[in-house]
C-alpha atoms as a PDB file:
ATOM      1  CA  MET A   1     -61.188 228.561  64.031  1.00  0.00           C
ATOM      2  CA  LYS A   2     -57.784 228.172  65.677  1.00  0.00           C
ATOM      3  CA  TYR A   3     -58.463 224.515  66.502  1.00  0.00           C
ATOM      4  CA  TRP A   4     -59.767 223.818  63.009  1.00  0.00           C
ATOM      5  CA  ARG A   5     -56.608 225.347  61.542  1.00  0.00           C
ATOM      6  CA  ILE A   6     -54.447 223.064  63.714  1.00  0.00           C
ATOM      7  CA  ILE A   7     -56.405 220.022  62.513  1.00  0.00           C
ATOM      8  CA  GLN A   8     -55.974 221.081  58.878  1.00  0.00           C
ATOM      9  CA  VAL A   9     -52.229 221.667  59.302  1.00  0.00           C
ATOM     10  CA  ARG A  10     -51.696 218.361  61.164  1.00  0.00           C
ATOM     11  CA  LEU A  11     -54.143 216.314  59.076  1.00  0.00           C
ATOM     12  CA  VAL A  12     -51.435 213.942  57.823  1.00  0.00           C
ATOM     13  CA  THR A  13     -50.336 213.167  61.394  1.00  0.00           C
ATOM     14  CA  ILE A  14     -53.928 212.565  62.482  1.00  0.00           C
ATOM     15  CA  LEU A  15     -54.587 210.218  59.553  1.00  0.00           C
ATOM     16  CA  LEU A  16     -51.378 208.258  60.125  1.00  0.00           C
ATOM     17  CA  VAL A  17     -52.108 207.705  63.835  1.00  0.00           C
ATOM     18  CA  PHE A  18     -55.743 206.876  63.071  1.00  0.00           C
ATOM     19  CA  LEU A  19     -54.876 204.312  60.394  1.00  0.00           C
ATOM     20  CA  LEU A  20     -52.082 202.756  62.461  1.00  0.00           C
ATOM     21  CA  THR A  21     -54.345 202.323  65.500  1.00  0.00           C
ATOM     22  CA  ALA A  22     -57.354 201.064  63.527  1.00  0.00           C
ATOM     23  CA  VAL A  23     -55.331 198.597  61.427  1.00  0.00           C
ATOM     24  CA  THR A  24     -53.398 197.298  64.450  1.00  0.00           C
ATOM     25  CA  THR A  25     -56.606 196.760  66.424  1.00  0.00           C
ATOM     26  CA  THR A  26     -58.243 194.952  63.500  1.00  0.00           C
ATOM     27  CA  VAL A  27     -55.270 192.671  62.848  1.00  0.00           C
ATOM     28  CA  VAL A  28     -54.829 191.805  66.531  1.00  0.00           C
ATOM     29  CA  SER A  29     -58.567 191.095  66.870  1.00  0.00           C
ATOM     30  CA  PHE A  30     -58.438 188.568  64.021  1.00  0.00           C
ATOM     31  CA  LEU A  31     -55.231 186.960  65.339  1.00  0.00           C
ATOM     32  CA  LEU A  32     -56.447 186.464  68.923  1.00  0.00           C
ATOM     33  CA  PRO A  33     -57.612 182.912  69.675  1.00  0.00           C
ATOM     34  CA  LYS A  34     -61.383 182.514  69.775  1.00  0.00           C
ATOM     35  CA  THR A  35     -63.115 181.824  73.069  1.00  0.00           C
ATOM     36  CA  TYR A  36     -66.481 180.073  73.219  1.00  0.00           C
ATOM     37  CA  MET A  37     -69.096 180.129  75.961  1.00  0.00           C
ATOM     38  CA  SER A  38     -71.651 177.505  76.861  1.00  0.00           C
ATOM     39  CA  MET A  39     -74.274 177.838  79.594  1.00  0.00           C
ATOM     40  CA  SER A  40     -76.472 175.513  81.602  1.00  0.00           C
ATOM     41  CA  ARG A  41     -79.133 176.663  84.040  1.00  0.00           C
ATOM     42  CA  ILE A  42     -80.350 175.080  87.257  1.00  0.00           C
ATOM     43  CA  SER A  43     -83.186 175.777  89.661  1.00  0.00           C
ATOM     44  CA  VAL A  44     -82.080 175.595  93.289  1.00  0.00           C
ATOM     45  CA  GLU A  45     -84.296 175.103  96.346  1.00  0.00           C
ATOM     46  CA  LYS A  46     -83.511 174.669 100.008  1.00  0.00           C
ATOM     47  CA  ASP A  47     -83.304 171.172 101.458  1.00  0.00           C
ATOM     48  CA  THR A  48     -86.180 169.852 103.534  1.00  0.00           C
ATOM     49  CA  SER A  49     -85.511 170.183 107.232  1.00  0.00           C
ATOM     50  CA  ASP A  50     -84.654 167.025 109.147  1.00  0.00           C
ATOM     51  CA  ILE A  51     -87.228 167.901 111.777  1.00  0.00           C
ATOM     52  CA  ALA A  52     -90.107 169.017 109.544  1.00  0.00           C
ATOM     53  CA  PRO A  53     -90.871 165.625 107.932  1.00  0.00           C
ATOM     54  CA  LEU A  54     -90.814 163.922 111.318  1.00  0.00           C
ATOM     55  CA  ASN A  55     -93.367 166.404 112.600  1.00  0.00           C
ATOM     56  CA  GLY A  56     -95.618 165.947 109.583  1.00  0.00           C
ATOM     57  CA  MET A  57     -94.876 169.407 108.172  1.00  0.00           C
ATOM     58  CA  GLN A  58     -94.819 170.084 104.439  1.00  0.00           C
ATOM     59  CA  SER A  59     -91.416 170.477 102.844  1.00  0.00           C
ATOM     60  CA  GLY A  60     -92.322 173.747 101.167  1.00  0.00           C
ATOM     61  CA  GLU A  61     -92.690 175.616 104.431  1.00  0.00           C
ATOM     62  CA  THR A  62     -89.065 176.672 104.787  1.00  0.00           C
ATOM     63  CA  ALA A  63     -87.800 179.949 106.182  1.00  0.00           C
ATOM     64  CA  PHE A  64     -86.616 182.578 103.717  1.00  0.00           C
ATOM     65  CA  ASP A  65     -82.834 182.890 103.577  1.00  0.00           C
ATOM     66  CA  PRO A  66     -81.542 185.965 101.661  1.00  0.00           C
ATOM     67  CA  TYR A  67     -78.036 184.483 101.499  1.00  0.00           C
ATOM     68  CA  PHE A  68     -79.046 181.014 100.300  1.00  0.00           C
ATOM     69  CA  ILE A  69     -78.388 181.561  96.573  1.00  0.00           C
ATOM     70  CA  GLN A  70     -75.051 183.268  97.176  1.00  0.00           C
ATOM     71  CA  THR A  71     -74.036 180.434  99.477  1.00  0.00           C
ATOM     72  CA  GLU A  72     -74.891 177.840  96.834  1.00  0.00           C
ATOM     73  CA  ILE A  73     -72.956 179.776  94.185  1.00  0.00           C
ATOM     74  CA  GLU A  74     -69.888 179.412  96.393  1.00  0.00           C
ATOM     75  CA  VAL A  75     -70.652 175.699  96.894  1.00  0.00           C
ATOM     76  CA  ILE A  76     -70.716 175.199  93.117  1.00  0.00           C
ATOM     77  CA  GLN A  77     -67.222 176.701  92.938  1.00  0.00           C
ATOM     78  CA  SER A  78     -65.969 174.675  95.897  1.00  0.00           C
ATOM     79  CA  GLN A  79     -63.124 172.204  95.737  1.00  0.00           C
ATOM     80  CA  LYS A  80     -65.455 169.235  96.227  1.00  0.00           C
ATOM     81  CA  VAL A  81     -67.595 170.043  93.166  1.00  0.00           C
ATOM     82  CA  LEU A  82     -64.841 171.331  90.870  1.00  0.00           C
ATOM     83  CA  ASP A  83     -62.620 168.313  91.486  1.00  0.00           C
ATOM     84  CA  LYS A  84     -65.445 166.074  90.259  1.00  0.00           C
ATOM     85  CA  VAL A  85     -65.841 168.232  87.136  1.00  0.00           C
ATOM     86  CA  VAL A  86     -62.077 168.012  86.471  1.00  0.00           C
ATOM     87  CA  ALA A  87     -62.226 164.233  86.701  1.00  0.00           C
ATOM     88  CA  LYS A  88     -65.455 163.855  84.701  1.00  0.00           C
ATOM     89  CA  CYS A  89     -64.241 166.016  81.792  1.00  0.00           C
ATOM     90  CA  ASN A  90     -60.644 164.734  82.015  1.00  0.00           C
ATOM     91  CA  LEU A  91     -59.419 168.349  82.054  1.00  0.00           C
ATOM     92  CA  ALA A  92     -55.913 167.536  83.281  1.00  0.00           C
ATOM     93  CA  GLU A  93     -55.345 165.596  80.048  1.00  0.00           C
ATOM     94  CA  LYS A  94     -57.286 167.847  77.651  1.00  0.00           C
ATOM     95  CA  TRP A  95     -55.666 171.072  78.822  1.00  0.00           C
ATOM     96  CA  LYS A  96     -52.083 169.844  78.720  1.00  0.00           C
ATOM     97  CA  ARG A  97     -51.617 170.998  75.095  1.00  0.00           C
ATOM     98  CA  ILE A  98     -52.618 174.540  75.997  1.00  0.00           C
ATOM     99  CA  TYR A  99     -50.511 174.729  79.158  1.00  0.00           C
ATOM    100  CA  GLY A 100     -47.041 173.559  78.159  1.00  0.00           C
ATOM    101  CA  GLY A 101     -47.760 170.063  76.851  1.00  0.00           C
ATOM    102  CA  ASN A 102     -47.368 168.360  80.229  1.00  0.00           C
ATOM    103  CA  LEU A 103     -50.086 166.539  82.124  1.00  0.00           C
ATOM    104  CA  LEU A 104     -51.602 168.952  84.629  1.00  0.00           C
ATOM    105  CA  HIS A 105     -51.916 168.165  88.299  1.00  0.00           C
ATOM    106  CA  PRO A 106     -55.587 167.966  89.337  1.00  0.00           C
ATOM    107  CA  ILE A 107     -55.101 170.954  91.658  1.00  0.00           C
ATOM    108  CA  GLU A 108     -53.709 173.020  88.782  1.00  0.00           C
ATOM    109  CA  ALA A 109     -56.590 171.944  86.561  1.00  0.00           C
ATOM    110  CA  ARG A 110     -59.069 172.942  89.265  1.00  0.00           C
ATOM    111  CA  LYS A 111     -57.552 176.420  89.585  1.00  0.00           C
ATOM    112  CA  ILE A 112     -57.704 176.895  85.814  1.00  0.00           C
ATOM    113  CA  LEU A 113     -61.285 175.653  85.792  1.00  0.00           C
ATOM    114  CA  LYS A 114     -62.306 178.152  88.460  1.00  0.00           C
ATOM    115  CA  LYS A 115     -61.054 180.984  86.250  1.00  0.00           C
ATOM    116  CA  ALA A 116     -62.834 179.540  83.199  1.00  0.00           C
ATOM    117  CA  ILE A 117     -66.333 179.533  84.725  1.00  0.00           C
ATOM    118  CA  ASP A 118     -68.782 182.259  85.656  1.00  0.00           C
ATOM    119  CA  ILE A 119     -71.564 181.456  88.111  1.00  0.00           C
ATOM    120  CA  ARG A 120     -74.307 184.024  88.595  1.00  0.00           C
ATOM    121  CA  GLN A 121     -77.883 184.328  89.789  1.00  0.00           C
ATOM    122  CA  PHE A 122     -80.500 185.051  87.141  1.00  0.00           C
ATOM    123  CA  ARG A 123     -82.014 188.325  88.282  1.00  0.00           C
ATOM    124  CA  LYS A 124     -83.817 187.865  91.617  1.00  0.00           C
ATOM    125  CA  THR A 125     -84.856 184.247  91.113  1.00  0.00           C
ATOM    126  CA  SER A 126     -83.729 180.861  92.410  1.00  0.00           C
ATOM    127  CA  ILE A 127     -82.207 180.101  88.996  1.00  0.00           C
ATOM    128  CA  ILE A 128     -78.425 179.934  88.687  1.00  0.00           C
ATOM    129  CA  GLU A 129     -76.613 180.255  85.356  1.00  0.00           C
ATOM    130  CA  LEU A 130     -73.443 178.206  84.915  1.00  0.00           C
ATOM    131  CA  ARG A 131     -71.189 179.620  82.196  1.00  0.00           C
ATOM    132  CA  ALA A 132     -68.054 177.900  80.956  1.00  0.00           C
ATOM    133  CA  TYR A 133     -65.483 179.494  78.626  1.00  0.00           C
ATOM    134  CA  GLY A 134     -62.862 177.806  76.501  1.00  0.00           C
ATOM    135  CA  ARG A 135     -61.137 177.662  73.127  1.00  0.00           C
ATOM    136  CA  ASP A 136     -62.723 174.261  72.434  1.00  0.00           C
ATOM    137  CA  ARG A 137     -66.475 174.692  71.974  1.00  0.00           C
ATOM    138  CA  SER A 138     -67.209 171.044  72.774  1.00  0.00           C
ATOM    139  CA  LEU A 139     -65.189 171.196  75.972  1.00  0.00           C
ATOM    140  CA  ALA A 140     -66.936 174.417  77.038  1.00  0.00           C
ATOM    141  CA  ARG A 141     -70.288 172.639  76.641  1.00  0.00           C
ATOM    142  CA  ASP A 142     -69.068 169.575  78.554  1.00  0.00           C
ATOM    143  CA  ILE A 143     -67.825 171.707  81.450  1.00  0.00           C
ATOM    144  CA  ALA A 144     -71.052 173.708  81.713  1.00  0.00           C
ATOM    145  CA  GLN A 145     -73.107 170.501  81.700  1.00  0.00           C
ATOM    146  CA  ALA A 146     -70.800 168.738  84.153  1.00  0.00           C
ATOM    147  CA  LEU A 147     -71.041 171.664  86.578  1.00  0.00           C
ATOM    148  CA  ALA A 148     -74.814 171.324  86.698  1.00  0.00           C
ATOM    149  CA  GLU A 149     -74.741 167.547  87.018  1.00  0.00           C
ATOM    150  CA  GLU A 150     -72.000 167.363  89.634  1.00  0.00           C
ATOM    151  CA  TYR A 151     -73.604 170.054  91.767  1.00  0.00           C
ATOM    152  CA  ARG A 152     -76.907 168.175  91.553  1.00  0.00           C
ATOM    153  CA  SER A 153     -75.095 164.988  92.583  1.00  0.00           C
ATOM    154  CA  HIS A 154     -73.511 166.841  95.491  1.00  0.00           C
ATOM    155  CA  ARG A 155     -76.893 167.999  96.762  1.00  0.00           C
ATOM    156  CA  THR A 156     -78.354 164.523  96.221  1.00  0.00           C
ATOM    157  CA  ASP A 157     -75.550 162.981  98.285  1.00  0.00           C
ATOM    158  CA  GLU A 158     -76.277 165.439 101.055  1.00  0.00           C
ATOM    159  CA  GLN A 159     -79.933 164.460 100.904  1.00  0.00           C
ATOM    160  CA  MET A 160     -79.026 160.760 101.095  1.00  0.00           C
ATOM    161  CA  LYS A 161     -77.145 161.404 104.313  1.00  0.00           C
ATOM    162  CA  ARG A 162     -80.266 163.014 105.728  1.00  0.00           C
ATOM    163  CA  VAL A 163     -82.293 159.986 104.632  1.00  0.00           C
ATOM    164  CA  GLU A 164     -79.950 157.687 106.537  1.00  0.00           C
ATOM    165  CA  ILE A 165     -80.417 159.845 109.623  1.00  0.00           C
ATOM    166  CA  ILE A 166     -84.191 159.453 109.357  1.00  0.00           C
ATOM    167  CA  LYS A 167     -83.897 155.687 108.828  1.00  0.00           C
ATOM    168  CA  ASP A 168     -81.724 155.368 111.924  1.00  0.00           C
ATOM    169  CA  ALA A 169     -84.170 157.364 114.013  1.00  0.00           C
ATOM    170  CA  ASP A 170     -86.046 155.429 116.690  1.00  0.00           C
ATOM    171  CA  LEU A 171     -89.498 155.969 115.189  1.00  0.00           C
ATOM    172  CA  PRO A 172     -92.408 153.797 114.038  1.00  0.00           C
ATOM    173  CA  ASP A 173     -92.082 152.507 110.492  1.00  0.00           C
ATOM    174  CA  ASP A 174     -95.105 154.421 109.202  1.00  0.00           C
ATOM    175  CA  GLU A 175     -93.685 157.738 110.430  1.00  0.00           C
ATOM    176  CA  VAL A 176     -90.290 156.981 108.881  1.00  0.00           C
ATOM    177  CA  GLU A 177     -91.946 156.067 105.582  1.00  0.00           C
ATOM    178  CA  LYS A 178     -93.999 159.247 105.636  1.00  0.00           C
ATOM    179  CA  ALA A 179     -90.924 161.356 106.367  1.00  0.00           C
ATOM    180  CA  LEU A 180     -88.994 159.700 103.530  1.00  0.00           C
ATOM    181  CA  LYS A 181     -91.817 160.379 101.073  1.00  0.00           C
ATOM    182  CA  VAL A 182     -91.761 164.037 102.020  1.00  0.00           C
ATOM    183  CA  MET A 183     -88.005 164.227 101.531  1.00  0.00           C
ATOM    184  CA  TRP A 184     -87.996 162.406  98.200  1.00  0.00           C
ATOM    185  CA  ALA A 185     -90.754 164.693  96.961  1.00  0.00           C
ATOM    186  CA  ASN A 186     -88.381 167.598  97.465  1.00  0.00           C
ATOM    187  CA  ARG A 187     -85.797 167.931  94.684  1.00  0.00           C
ATOM    188  CA  PRO A 188     -83.371 170.655  95.682  1.00  0.00           C
ATOM    189  CA  VAL A 189     -81.690 170.947  92.249  1.00  0.00           C
ATOM    190  CA  LYS A 190     -83.310 170.746  88.834  1.00  0.00           C
ATOM    191  CA  ILE A 191     -81.470 171.205  85.544  1.00  0.00           C
ATOM    192  CA  ILE A 192     -83.821 173.412  83.555  1.00  0.00           C
ATOM    193  CA  ASP A 193     -81.481 174.098  80.589  1.00  0.00           C
ATOM    194  CA  ASN A 194     -78.791 171.746  79.355  1.00  0.00           C
ATOM    195  CA  ALA A 195     -75.596 173.215  77.917  1.00  0.00           C
ATOM    196  CA  ASP A 196     -75.632 173.696  74.138  1.00  0.00           C
ATOM    197  CA  LEU A 197     -72.749 173.583  71.683  1.00  0.00           C
ATOM    198  CA  PRO A 198     -71.685 177.212  71.087  1.00  0.00           C
ATOM    199  CA  VAL A 199     -72.252 178.506  67.573  1.00  0.00           C
ATOM    200  CA  ARG A 200     -70.189 181.726  67.695  1.00  0.00           C
ATOM    201  CA  ALA A 201     -67.199 182.853  69.707  1.00  0.00           C
ATOM    202  CA  VAL A 202     -67.849 185.404  72.456  1.00  0.00           C
ATOM    203  CA  ARG A 203     -64.275 186.677  72.469  1.00  0.00           C
ATOM    204  CA  PRO A 204     -62.740 188.549  70.802  1.00  0.00           C
ATOM    205  CA  ASN A 205     -65.671 190.803  69.949  1.00  0.00           C
ATOM    206  CA  ILE A 206     -64.305 191.892  66.566  1.00  0.00           C
ATOM    207  CA  PRO A 207     -66.928 194.561  65.691  1.00  0.00           C
ATOM    208  CA  LEU A 208     -66.567 196.143  69.136  1.00  0.00           C
ATOM    209  CA  ASN A 209     -62.762 196.044  68.982  1.00  0.00           C
ATOM    210  CA  ILE A 210     -62.714 197.664  65.529  1.00  0.00           C
ATOM    211  CA  THR A 211     -65.113 200.392  66.706  1.00  0.00           C
ATOM    212  CA  LEU A 212     -62.983 201.077  69.775  1.00  0.00           C
ATOM    213  CA  GLY A 213     -59.859 201.123  67.587  1.00  0.00           C
ATOM    214  CA  VAL A 214     -61.408 203.704  65.252  1.00  0.00           C
ATOM    215  CA  VAL A 215     -62.494 205.921  68.155  1.00  0.00           C
ATOM    216  CA  ALA A 216     -59.157 205.560  69.940  1.00  0.00           C
ATOM    217  CA  GLY A 217     -57.289 206.294  66.697  1.00  0.00           C
ATOM    218  CA  LEU A 218     -59.199 209.545  66.187  1.00  0.00           C
ATOM    219  CA  ILE A 219     -58.678 210.639  69.792  1.00  0.00           C
ATOM    220  CA  LEU A 220     -54.967 209.789  69.754  1.00  0.00           C
ATOM    221  CA  GLY A 221     -54.452 211.410  66.353  1.00  0.00           C
ATOM    222  CA  VAL A 222     -56.134 214.685  67.285  1.00  0.00           C
ATOM    223  CA  GLY A 223     -54.472 214.708  70.703  1.00  0.00           C
ATOM    224  CA  LEU A 224     -51.036 214.160  69.185  1.00  0.00           C
ATOM    225  CA  ALA A 225     -51.672 216.919  66.639  1.00  0.00           C
ATOM    226  CA  PHE A 226     -52.465 219.447  69.375  1.00  0.00           C
ATOM    227  CA  LEU A 227     -49.481 218.280  71.448  1.00  0.00           C
ATOM    228  CA  ILE A 228     -47.078 218.740  68.524  1.00  0.00           C
ATOM    229  CA  GLU A 229     -48.582 222.158  67.803  1.00  0.00           C
ATOM    230  CA  TYR A 230     -48.149 223.166  71.441  1.00  0.00           C
ATOM    231  CA  LEU A 231     -44.532 222.014  71.566  1.00  0.00           C
ATOM    232  CA  ASP A 232     -43.723 223.738  68.297  1.00  0.00           C
ATOM    233  CA  THR A 233     -45.371 226.966  69.433  1.00  0.00           C
ATOM    234  CA  ALA A 234     -43.597 226.877  72.788  1.00  0.00           C
ATOM    235  CA  GLY A 235     -40.264 226.261  71.093  1.00  0.00           C
ATOM    236  CA  LEU A 236     -40.761 229.055  68.551  1.00  0.00           C
ATOM    237  CA  THR A 237     -41.821 231.484  71.286  1.00  0.00           C
ATOM    238  CA  GLY A 238     -38.714 230.706  73.324  1.00  0.00           C
ATOM    239  CA  ARG A 239     -36.399 231.128  70.331  1.00  0.00           C
ATOM    240  CA  ALA A 240     -38.071 234.401  69.362  1.00  0.00           C
ATOM    241  CA  ILE A 241     -37.585 235.833  72.856  1.00  0.00           C
ATOM    242  CA  ILE A 242     -33.912 234.839  72.863  1.00  0.00           C
ATOM    243  CA  VAL A 243     -33.287 236.351  69.419  1.00  0.00           C
ATOM    244  CA  ASP A 244     -35.063 239.593  70.358  1.00  0.00           C
ATOM    245  CA  ALA A 245     -33.038 239.854  73.579  1.00  0.00           C
ATOM    246  CA  GLN A 246     -29.778 239.284  71.691  1.00  0.00           C
ATOM    247  CA  ASN A 247     -30.670 241.958  69.129  1.00  0.00           C
ATOM    248  CA  LEU A 248     -31.344 244.494  71.895  1.00  0.00           C
ATOM    249  CA  LEU A 249     -28.047 243.708  73.599  1.00  0.00           C
ATOM    250  CA  ILE A 250     -26.051 243.905  70.367  1.00  0.00           C
ATOM    251  CA  LYS A 251     -27.598 247.288  69.510  1.00  0.00           C
ATOM    252  CA  SER A 252     -26.572 248.508  72.969  1.00  0.00           C
ATOM    253  CA  GLY A 253     -22.999 247.291  72.538  1.00  0.00           C
ATOM    254  CA  PHE A 254     -23.118 244.041  74.466  1.00  0.00           C
ATOM    255  CA  ASN A 255     -21.636 240.852  73.062  1.00  0.00           C
ATOM    256  CA  VAL A 256     -23.811 238.009  74.410  1.00  0.00           C
ATOM    257  CA  SER A 257     -24.160 234.751  72.533  1.00  0.00           C
ATOM    258  CA  VAL A 258     -27.382 232.883  71.807  1.00  0.00           C
ATOM    259  CA  ASP A 259     -26.056 229.904  73.773  1.00  0.00           C
ATOM    260  CA  ASP A 260     -25.650 231.985  76.935  1.00  0.00           C
ATOM    261  CA  LEU A 261     -29.149 233.416  76.573  1.00  0.00           C
ATOM    262  CA  SER A 262     -30.577 229.946  75.917  1.00  0.00           C
ATOM    263  CA  THR A 263     -28.879 228.576  79.029  1.00  0.00           C
ATOM    264  CA  HIS A 264     -30.450 231.289  81.177  1.00  0.00           C
ATOM    265  CA  HIS A 265     -33.847 230.761  79.506  1.00  0.00           C
ATOM    266  CA  LEU A 266     -33.732 227.007  80.186  1.00  0.00           C
ATOM    267  CA  ALA A 267     -32.798 227.721  83.818  1.00  0.00           C
ATOM    268  CA  GLY A 268     -36.104 229.549  84.176  1.00  0.00           C
ATOM    269  CA  GLY A 269     -34.750 233.048  83.773  1.00  0.00           C
ATOM    270  CA  ASP A 270     -36.290 235.986  81.931  1.00  0.00           C
ATOM    271  CA  VAL A 271     -33.830 236.897  79.145  1.00  0.00           C
ATOM    272  CA  ALA A 272     -35.878 239.933  78.155  1.00  0.00           C
ATOM    273  CA  MET A 273     -35.663 241.241  81.714  1.00  0.00           C
ATOM    274  CA  VAL A 274     -31.909 240.585  81.791  1.00  0.00           C
ATOM    275  CA  ALA A 275     -31.401 242.469  78.514  1.00  0.00           C
ATOM    276  CA  THR A 276     -33.499 245.423  79.719  1.00  0.00           C
ATOM    277  CA  GLY A 277     -31.654 245.526  83.047  1.00  0.00           C
ATOM    278  CA  MET A 278     -28.231 245.514  81.408  1.00  0.00           C
ATOM    279  CA  ILE A 279     -29.240 248.326  79.016  1.00  0.00           C
ATOM    280  CA  LYS A 280     -30.652 250.477  81.828  1.00  0.00           C
ATOM    281  CA  ALA A 281     -27.564 249.832  83.983  1.00  0.00           C
ATOM    282  CA  LYS A 282     -25.327 250.982  81.120  1.00  0.00           C
ATOM    283  CA  GLU A 283     -27.412 254.155  80.682  1.00  0.00           C
ATOM    284  CA  LYS A 284     -26.817 254.925  84.401  1.00  0.00           C
ATOM    285  CA  ASN A 285     -23.097 254.081  84.095  1.00  0.00           C
ATOM    286  CA  ILE A 286     -23.469 251.019  86.300  1.00  0.00           C
ATOM    287  CA  ASP A 287     -21.113 248.169  85.514  1.00  0.00           C
ATOM    288  CA  LEU A 288     -23.392 245.110  85.266  1.00  0.00           C
ATOM    289  CA  SER A 289     -22.109 242.017  83.512  1.00  0.00           C
ATOM    290  CA  PHE A 290     -24.310 239.405  81.891  1.00  0.00           C
ATOM    291  CA  ASP A 291     -23.546 236.813  84.610  1.00  0.00           C
ATOM    292  CA  GLN A 292     -24.424 239.309  87.354  1.00  0.00           C
ATOM    293  CA  ALA A 293     -27.684 240.240  85.632  1.00  0.00           C
ATOM    294  CA  CYS A 294     -28.618 236.572  85.289  1.00  0.00           C
ATOM    295  CA  ALA A 295     -27.815 235.928  88.950  1.00  0.00           C
ATOM    296  CA  LEU A 296     -29.950 238.883  90.062  1.00  0.00           C
ATOM    297  CA  ASP A 297     -32.807 237.713  87.818  1.00  0.00           C
ATOM    298  CA  LEU A 298     -32.792 234.190  89.250  1.00  0.00           C
ATOM    299  CA  GLN A 299     -32.430 235.573  92.779  1.00  0.00           C
ATOM    300  CA  ASP A 300     -35.498 237.767  92.336  1.00  0.00           C
ATOM    301  CA  LYS A 301     -37.481 234.793  91.036  1.00  0.00           C
ATOM    302  CA  GLY A 302     -36.420 232.742  94.064  1.00  0.00           C
ATOM    303  CA  LEU A 303     -37.555 235.484  96.452  1.00  0.00           C
ATOM    304  CA  LEU A 304     -40.889 235.745  94.706  1.00  0.00           C
ATOM    305  CA  GLU A 305     -41.433 231.978  94.929  1.00  0.00           C
ATOM    306  CA  GLU A 306     -40.635 232.027  98.656  1.00  0.00           C
ATOM    307  CA  GLU A 307     -43.199 234.769  99.212  1.00  0.00           C
ATOM    308  CA  ASP A 308     -45.832 232.757  97.346  1.00  0.00           C
END
C-alpha cells in the first residue's frame, strides 16, 4: 500500500519521464539513417590433396579438419580477398560521400569494409553466410555478391597453382591427365545463394526501439518517483529532528540556533543526543556548552567506529 501511495502521489512525474523517454526514443529511431543487409551463401569444401590424385585416390577421401571452416572464414576477411572486393565494387569512390567527401585510400576502404561485413558458419555445416551492411541497398548486395565471387576466385587461383605443380611433375601423360581430371572434378567453393536486393532495412529496428523506450520510460519514471520520495522523506526527518531538539533546548533555557543544530547534524552528529546531554548536565549543575556537547558527541561516534 505504501508503494502504491507513492506512485499515486508521484504520478505526474512518472508520466512526464515516461512520455519524454518514449517520445525521444521514437523520434531518434525515425531520424537514424537506415541500414540494409544483403546475404550470399557459399558451400566450402577442402582442396584435393596434391598427392592423392597422383596415387589414384578419390578426391572425397580427405581427413576431417574441425578448424577448416573457421580458417576459411578468416581467409574471406583477409587482405587479399577484401582488396579485390574494394576494387571490384569501387568502394573507395562510392564511400567518399559518406566519409568526408574525399576519395578514400584503398587501405581505409578495406578497413571500413571489414567492419561492414559479417561472416558466419551456418549451424554445423560447410555453408558460410556472407552478410554485408550498408546505407545503400544496391551497394550492400554488390558487396555480398563480390565477397562470394572473389573468395571463389581466390580458391580457384590456389587450385590452378596446384594444377601447374602436377603438370610439371615428372610423370607419364596418362597419370597427369588422370590426376587433373580428379582435381577439376573437385570444386572447393560453390555459390549456392546469390545476394538479393534488400527489401527492408535491418537497422534501426523501430518497433523494438519503441518497445524498449516504453519499458525504459516506465522503469525510469517509477525509479525517479521513489528516489524523490526518499530524498523528501529523509530531508523532512532531518528537519523534524532539528526542530524538536531546538524546542527542547529552548524550554530548558538554552539559546541554540537552527543553523548550529543543522551544522552538527550534517557533520554526522546526533542533535537529539546533544540536546538531552545538555539538559541532563544542567540538571546536575554541570557547565556544558553546546560546542562542548557537540565535540563529545562526535568523539563518541569516532570511538565507536574505531571499535567496529
